[in-house]
C-alpha atoms as a PDB file:
ATOM      1  CA  UNK A   1       0.000   0.000   0.000  1.00  0.00           C
ATOM      2  CA  UNK A   2       1.309   3.427  -0.900  1.00  0.00           C
ATOM      3  CA  UNK A   3       1.948   6.067   1.732  1.00  0.00           C
ATOM      4  CA  UNK A   4      -1.014   8.277   2.365  1.00  0.00           C
ATOM      5  CA  UNK A   5      -0.588  12.041   2.436  1.00  0.00           C
ATOM      6  CA  UNK A   6      -2.034  13.766   5.492  1.00  0.00           C
ATOM      7  CA  UNK A   7      -3.742  17.034   4.521  1.00  0.00           C
ATOM      8  CA  UNK A   8      -5.143  19.466   7.084  1.00  0.00           C
ATOM      9  CA  UNK A   9      -7.793  21.984   6.046  1.00  0.00           C
ATOM     10  CA  UNK A  10      -8.016  25.182   8.109  1.00  0.00           C
ATOM     11  CA  UNK A  11     -10.957  27.486   7.509  1.00  0.00           C
ATOM     12  CA  UNK A  12     -14.622  27.309   6.753  1.00  0.00           C
ATOM     13  CA  UNK A  13     -15.144  29.410   3.636  1.00  0.00           C
ATOM     14  CA  UNK A  14     -17.091  28.087   0.659  1.00  0.00           C
ATOM     15  CA  UNK A  15     -13.804  27.891  -1.257  1.00  0.00           C
ATOM     16  CA  UNK A  16     -12.156  25.810   1.492  1.00  0.00           C
ATOM     17  CA  UNK A  17     -15.170  23.516   1.585  1.00  0.00           C
ATOM     18  CA  UNK A  18     -14.940  23.055  -2.182  1.00  0.00           C
ATOM     19  CA  UNK A  19     -11.256  22.173  -2.023  1.00  0.00           C
ATOM     20  CA  UNK A  20     -11.867  19.664   0.786  1.00  0.00           C
ATOM     21  CA  UNK A  21     -14.765  18.037  -1.056  1.00  0.00           C
ATOM     22  CA  UNK A  22     -12.745  17.759  -4.266  1.00  0.00           C
ATOM     23  CA  UNK A  23     -10.148  15.613  -2.462  1.00  0.00           C
ATOM     24  CA  UNK A  24     -12.476  13.451  -0.369  1.00  0.00           C
ATOM     25  CA  UNK A  25     -12.517  10.539  -2.843  1.00  0.00           C
ATOM     26  CA  UNK A  26      -8.752  10.395  -3.268  1.00  0.00           C
ATOM     27  CA  UNK A  27      -7.676   7.273  -1.360  1.00  0.00           C
ATOM     28  CA  UNK A  28      -4.051   8.407  -1.132  1.00  0.00           C
ATOM     29  CA  UNK A  29      -5.082  11.415   0.989  1.00  0.00           C
ATOM     30  CA  UNK A  30      -6.124  11.484   4.626  1.00  0.00           C
ATOM     31  CA  UNK A  31      -8.163  14.690   5.009  1.00  0.00           C
ATOM     32  CA  UNK A  32      -8.459  16.304   8.428  1.00  0.00           C
ATOM     33  CA  UNK A  33     -10.545  19.396   9.108  1.00  0.00           C
ATOM     34  CA  UNK A  34      -9.273  21.573  11.956  1.00  0.00           C
ATOM     35  CA  UNK A  35     -11.117  24.583  13.314  1.00  0.00           C
ATOM     36  CA  UNK A  36      -8.635  27.490  13.239  1.00  0.00           C
ATOM     37  CA  UNK A  37     -10.218  28.796  16.458  1.00  0.00           C
ATOM     38  CA  UNK A  38      -9.037  25.649  18.265  1.00  0.00           C
ATOM     39  CA  UNK A  39      -7.190  26.428  21.456  1.00  0.00           C
ATOM     40  CA  UNK A  40      -3.484  25.634  21.005  1.00  0.00           C
ATOM     41  CA  UNK A  41      -3.829  25.434  17.220  1.00  0.00           C
ATOM     42  CA  UNK A  42      -0.083  25.087  16.665  1.00  0.00           C
ATOM     43  CA  UNK A  43       0.180  22.241  19.185  1.00  0.00           C
ATOM     44  CA  UNK A  44      -2.748  20.523  17.495  1.00  0.00           C
ATOM     45  CA  UNK A  45      -1.044  20.804  14.098  1.00  0.00           C
ATOM     46  CA  UNK A  46       2.264  19.572  15.526  1.00  0.00           C
ATOM     47  CA  UNK A  47       0.563  16.477  16.917  1.00  0.00           C
ATOM     48  CA  UNK A  48      -1.111  15.713  13.595  1.00  0.00           C
ATOM     49  CA  UNK A  49       2.185  16.257  11.713  1.00  0.00           C
ATOM     50  CA  UNK A  50       0.513  16.799   8.327  1.00  0.00           C
ATOM     51  CA  UNK A  51       2.297  16.699   4.989  1.00  0.00           C
ATOM     52  CA  UNK A  52       0.235  19.638   3.730  1.00  0.00           C
ATOM     53  CA  UNK A  53      -1.797  22.374   5.407  1.00  0.00           C
ATOM     54  CA  UNK A  54      -4.335  24.208   3.263  1.00  0.00           C
ATOM     55  CA  UNK A  55      -5.388  27.493   4.828  1.00  0.00           C
ATOM     56  CA  UNK A  56      -6.927  30.841   3.998  1.00  0.00           C
ATOM     57  CA  UNK A  57      -4.518  33.759   3.677  1.00  0.00           C
ATOM     58  CA  UNK A  58      -5.377  37.043   5.315  1.00  0.00           C
ATOM     59  CA  UNK A  59      -7.083  35.588   8.351  1.00  0.00           C
ATOM     60  CA  UNK A  60      -6.107  36.468  11.911  1.00  0.00           C
ATOM     61  CA  UNK A  61      -4.501  33.072  12.496  1.00  0.00           C
ATOM     62  CA  UNK A  62      -2.829  32.526   9.095  1.00  0.00           C
ATOM     63  CA  UNK A  63       0.474  34.134  10.066  1.00  0.00           C
ATOM     64  CA  UNK A  64       0.866  31.903  13.130  1.00  0.00           C
ATOM     65  CA  UNK A  65       1.047  28.710  11.089  1.00  0.00           C
ATOM     66  CA  UNK A  66       4.022  30.003   9.108  1.00  0.00           C
ATOM     67  CA  UNK A  67       6.177  29.219  12.153  1.00  0.00           C
ATOM     68  CA  UNK A  68       5.669  25.523  11.406  1.00  0.00           C
ATOM     69  CA  UNK A  69       7.775  25.771   8.252  1.00  0.00           C
ATOM     70  CA  UNK A  70      10.998  26.056  10.223  1.00  0.00           C
ATOM     71  CA  UNK A  71       9.988  23.327  12.673  1.00  0.00           C
ATOM     72  CA  UNK A  72       8.728  20.598  10.357  1.00  0.00           C
ATOM     73  CA  UNK A  73      10.991  19.749   7.426  1.00  0.00           C
ATOM     74  CA  UNK A  74       9.000  18.551   4.456  1.00  0.00           C
ATOM     75  CA  UNK A  75       5.850  20.416   5.469  1.00  0.00           C
ATOM     76  CA  UNK A  76       4.091  22.324   2.730  1.00  0.00           C
ATOM     77  CA  UNK A  77       1.603  25.122   3.181  1.00  0.00           C
ATOM     78  CA  UNK A  78      -0.920  25.997   0.539  1.00  0.00           C
ATOM     79  CA  UNK A  79      -2.442  29.425   1.137  1.00  0.00           C
ATOM     80  CA  UNK A  80      -5.715  30.315  -0.573  1.00  0.00           C
ATOM     81  CA  UNK A  81      -5.984  34.018  -1.279  1.00  0.00           C
ATOM     82  CA  UNK A  82      -9.718  34.436  -1.707  1.00  0.00           C
ATOM     83  CA  UNK A  83      -9.513  38.140  -2.584  1.00  0.00           C
ATOM     84  CA  UNK A  84      -7.115  37.644  -5.505  1.00  0.00           C
ATOM     85  CA  UNK A  85      -8.191  34.136  -6.604  1.00  0.00           C
ATOM     86  CA  UNK A  86      -4.694  32.724  -6.250  1.00  0.00           C
ATOM     87  CA  UNK A  87      -2.859  29.981  -4.422  1.00  0.00           C
ATOM     88  CA  UNK A  88       0.494  30.513  -2.743  1.00  0.00           C
ATOM     89  CA  UNK A  89       2.609  27.438  -2.065  1.00  0.00           C
ATOM     90  CA  UNK A  90       5.186  27.606   0.716  1.00  0.00           C
ATOM     91  CA  UNK A  91       7.532  24.874   1.809  1.00  0.00           C
ATOM     92  CA  UNK A  92      10.282  24.286   4.297  1.00  0.00           C
ATOM     93  CA  UNK A  93      12.941  23.641   1.704  1.00  0.00           C
ATOM     94  CA  UNK A  94      16.196  25.108   2.997  1.00  0.00           C
ATOM     95  CA  UNK A  95      19.518  25.765   1.355  1.00  0.00           C
ATOM     96  CA  UNK A  96      22.633  26.714   3.234  1.00  0.00           C
ATOM     97  CA  UNK A  97      25.306  28.916   1.736  1.00  0.00           C
ATOM     98  CA  UNK A  98      28.881  29.355   2.880  1.00  0.00           C
ATOM     99  CA  UNK A  99      29.678  32.514   0.987  1.00  0.00           C
ATOM    100  CA  UNK A 100      28.105  35.549  -0.630  1.00  0.00           C
ATOM    101  CA  UNK A 101      28.895  33.990  -4.011  1.00  0.00           C
ATOM    102  CA  UNK A 102      26.850  30.896  -3.157  1.00  0.00           C
ATOM    103  CA  UNK A 103      24.025  33.113  -1.897  1.00  0.00           C
ATOM    104  CA  UNK A 104      24.134  35.151  -5.090  1.00  0.00           C
ATOM    105  CA  UNK A 105      24.020  31.961  -7.176  1.00  0.00           C
ATOM    106  CA  UNK A 106      21.037  30.745  -5.168  1.00  0.00           C
ATOM    107  CA  UNK A 107      19.157  33.976  -5.925  1.00  0.00           C
ATOM    108  CA  UNK A 108      20.025  33.708  -9.613  1.00  0.00           C
ATOM    109  CA  UNK A 109      18.857  30.077  -9.738  1.00  0.00           C
ATOM    110  CA  UNK A 110      15.574  30.944  -8.049  1.00  0.00           C
ATOM    111  CA  UNK A 111      14.928  33.953 -10.281  1.00  0.00           C
ATOM    112  CA  UNK A 112      15.608  31.910 -13.433  1.00  0.00           C
ATOM    113  CA  UNK A 113      13.179  29.213 -12.238  1.00  0.00           C
ATOM    114  CA  UNK A 114      10.311  31.703 -11.941  1.00  0.00           C
ATOM    115  CA  UNK A 115       8.065  31.643 -15.028  1.00  0.00           C
ATOM    116  CA  UNK A 116       7.946  35.034 -16.726  1.00  0.00           C
ATOM    117  CA  UNK A 117       4.675  36.340 -18.118  1.00  0.00           C
END
């Protein structure tokens, strides 16, 4: 049996509900709904240890979950920006540089990887 991906949904908008429903029949995904008003939200998310957290950007609690990126390697956050109809994907991928030249090369690599309109 293949590994199942644990996905946490934070939020209760119509858009969030639609995203959650669209994934409910995917057997490779374990979907967990978490109320963002839950006391100790971060502790709750740490205990679940999801592979992906889908949340609504611009909410009072959205900035607090960004702290999980540095704590949980491999975690991905998918932020739904309802106002602009866009999705922002954040991950905990880290690169270490030993010199300004390596840092400069990293920036150049990242800029070249960005699709240009």
